[in-house]
Amino acid sequence: PVRRGYWGNKIGAPHTVPCKVTGKCGSVLVRLVPAPRGTGLVSAPVPKKLLSMAGFEDCYTCATGQTATLGNFAKATFAAIAKTYSYLTPDMWSPTVFTNSPYQEFLLHVRYW
């Protein structure tokens, strides 16, 4: 699954990566950075194709290592895209149900002398 997010305010549909994420394969390290709406995919051709297939419209990328090895370059990009759901943000928190402490729960049963 791919998680998309916003850059700046939350107007319209999500269009970029939710946060900065990195992926690594071999010596290749790919970093995906959120970009403002209308920027497009600022990337080399290999990650650009993967990012567009994943549904991202705007994204900055930074790559280091032997990026001429296209297999590792593609796998590192895929690993970075897959990490978008591994980052836990407050909008993914489950609702917390608070219960009364035993002191509050059994307060009426206690007799004060």
Protein backbone atom coordinates (compact mmCIF):
# COMPACT_ATOMS: atom_id res chain seq x y z
CA PRO A 1 0.00 0.00 0.00
CA VAL A 2 1.07 3.53 -0.78
CA ARG A 3 0.27 6.42 1.53
CA ARG A 4 0.05 9.89 0.10
CA GLY A 5 0.04 13.17 1.97
CA TYR A 6 0.07 16.94 1.71
CA TRP A 7 2.67 19.67 1.59
CA GLY A 8 1.52 22.72 3.53
CA ASN A 9 -2.26 22.97 3.93
CA LYS A 10 -4.67 20.10 3.42
CA ILE A 11 -6.67 21.39 0.46
CA GLY A 12 -7.75 18.95 -2.23
CA ALA A 13 -6.62 15.37 -2.64
CA PRO A 14 -3.30 14.10 -1.25
CA HIS A 15 -0.58 14.62 -3.86
CA THR A 16 2.87 13.94 -2.37
CA VAL A 17 4.66 11.71 0.15
CA PRO A 18 3.46 12.22 3.75
CA CYS A 19 6.97 12.77 5.16
CA LYS A 20 10.62 12.37 4.22
CA VAL A 21 11.33 8.67 3.66
CA THR A 22 14.42 6.78 2.53
CA GLY A 23 14.96 3.43 0.90
CA LYS A 24 18.17 1.51 0.43
CA CYS A 25 19.23 -1.37 -1.77
CA GLY A 26 22.89 -2.22 -2.27
CA SER A 27 24.81 1.03 -2.29
CA VAL A 28 21.87 3.06 -3.61
CA LEU A 29 20.04 5.26 -1.10
CA VAL A 30 16.93 7.10 -2.33
CA ARG A 31 15.28 9.85 -0.31
CA LEU A 32 11.76 11.05 -1.12
CA VAL A 33 10.88 14.55 0.08
CA PRO A 34 7.40 16.16 0.02
CA ALA A 35 6.96 18.88 -2.59
CA PRO A 36 4.44 21.71 -3.08
CA ARG A 37 1.49 21.17 -5.38
CA GLY A 38 2.37 21.75 -9.02
CA THR A 39 6.06 20.89 -8.67
CA GLY A 40 5.84 17.56 -10.47
CA LEU A 41 8.18 14.64 -9.98
CA VAL A 42 11.72 16.01 -9.69
CA SER A 43 13.59 12.79 -10.25
CA ALA A 44 15.65 10.59 -12.53
CA PRO A 45 13.68 8.55 -15.10
CA VAL A 46 13.65 5.28 -13.10
CA PRO A 47 12.15 6.63 -9.84
CA LYS A 48 9.91 8.98 -11.80
CA LYS A 49 8.20 6.02 -13.48
CA LEU A 50 7.73 4.20 -10.17
CA LEU A 51 6.45 7.31 -8.38
CA SER A 52 3.98 8.08 -11.14
CA MET A 53 2.69 4.48 -11.08
CA ALA A 54 2.32 4.76 -7.28
CA GLY A 55 0.09 7.82 -7.75
CA PHE A 56 2.37 10.61 -6.55
CA GLU A 57 2.02 13.89 -8.45
CA ASP A 58 4.65 16.02 -6.67
CA CYS A 59 7.85 14.77 -5.06
CA TYR A 60 11.51 15.72 -4.73
CA THR A 61 14.07 12.91 -4.79
CA CYS A 62 17.69 12.63 -3.77
CA ALA A 63 19.80 9.60 -4.64
CA THR A 64 23.32 8.58 -3.68
CA GLY A 65 25.42 5.55 -4.49
CA GLN A 66 25.83 3.63 -7.74
CA THR A 67 22.53 4.69 -9.32
CA ALA A 68 23.62 3.34 -12.71
CA THR A 69 22.70 -0.10 -11.34
CA LEU A 70 19.06 0.29 -12.34
CA GLY A 71 17.85 -2.79 -10.45
CA ASN A 72 19.12 -1.47 -7.12
CA PHE A 73 17.92 2.04 -7.99
CA ALA A 74 14.40 0.75 -8.65
CA LYS A 75 14.39 -1.46 -5.53
CA ALA A 76 15.57 1.41 -3.33
CA THR A 77 12.79 3.62 -4.72
CA PHE A 78 10.26 0.85 -4.12
CA ALA A 79 11.52 0.42 -0.54
CA ALA A 80 11.10 4.15 0.09
CA ILE A 81 7.56 4.09 -1.31
CA ALA A 82 6.73 1.07 0.87
CA LYS A 83 7.98 2.92 3.98
CA THR A 84 5.26 5.58 3.63
CA TYR A 85 2.89 3.38 5.66
CA SER A 86 5.44 2.36 8.28
CA TYR A 87 5.63 5.89 9.68
CA LEU A 88 2.96 6.33 12.36
CA THR A 89 1.35 9.76 12.46
CA PRO A 90 -1.44 11.04 14.76
CA ASP A 91 -4.11 10.62 12.08
CA MET A 92 -3.44 6.85 12.15
CA TRP A 93 -3.80 6.50 15.96
CA SER A 94 -6.67 4.35 17.13
CA PRO A 95 -9.16 6.11 19.41
CA THR A 96 -8.39 5.76 23.11
CA VAL A 97 -11.17 4.55 25.39
CA PHE A 98 -10.63 5.69 28.95
CA THR A 99 -12.04 3.66 31.84
CA ASN A 100 -12.61 4.77 35.39
CA SER A 101 -10.01 3.93 37.98
CA PRO A 102 -11.14 1.53 40.72
CA TYR A 103 -11.34 4.46 43.14
CA GLN A 104 -13.85 6.24 40.91
CA GLU A 105 -15.72 3.07 39.94
CA PHE A 106 -16.42 1.87 43.49
CA LEU A 107 -16.71 5.28 45.14
CA LEU A 108 -20.40 4.81 45.96
CA HIS A 109 -19.76 1.47 47.66
CA VAL A 110 -17.27 2.90 50.13
CA ARG A 111 -18.74 4.14 53.42
CA TYR A 112 -17.15 7.11 55.10
CA TRP A 113 -17.26 7.08 58.93
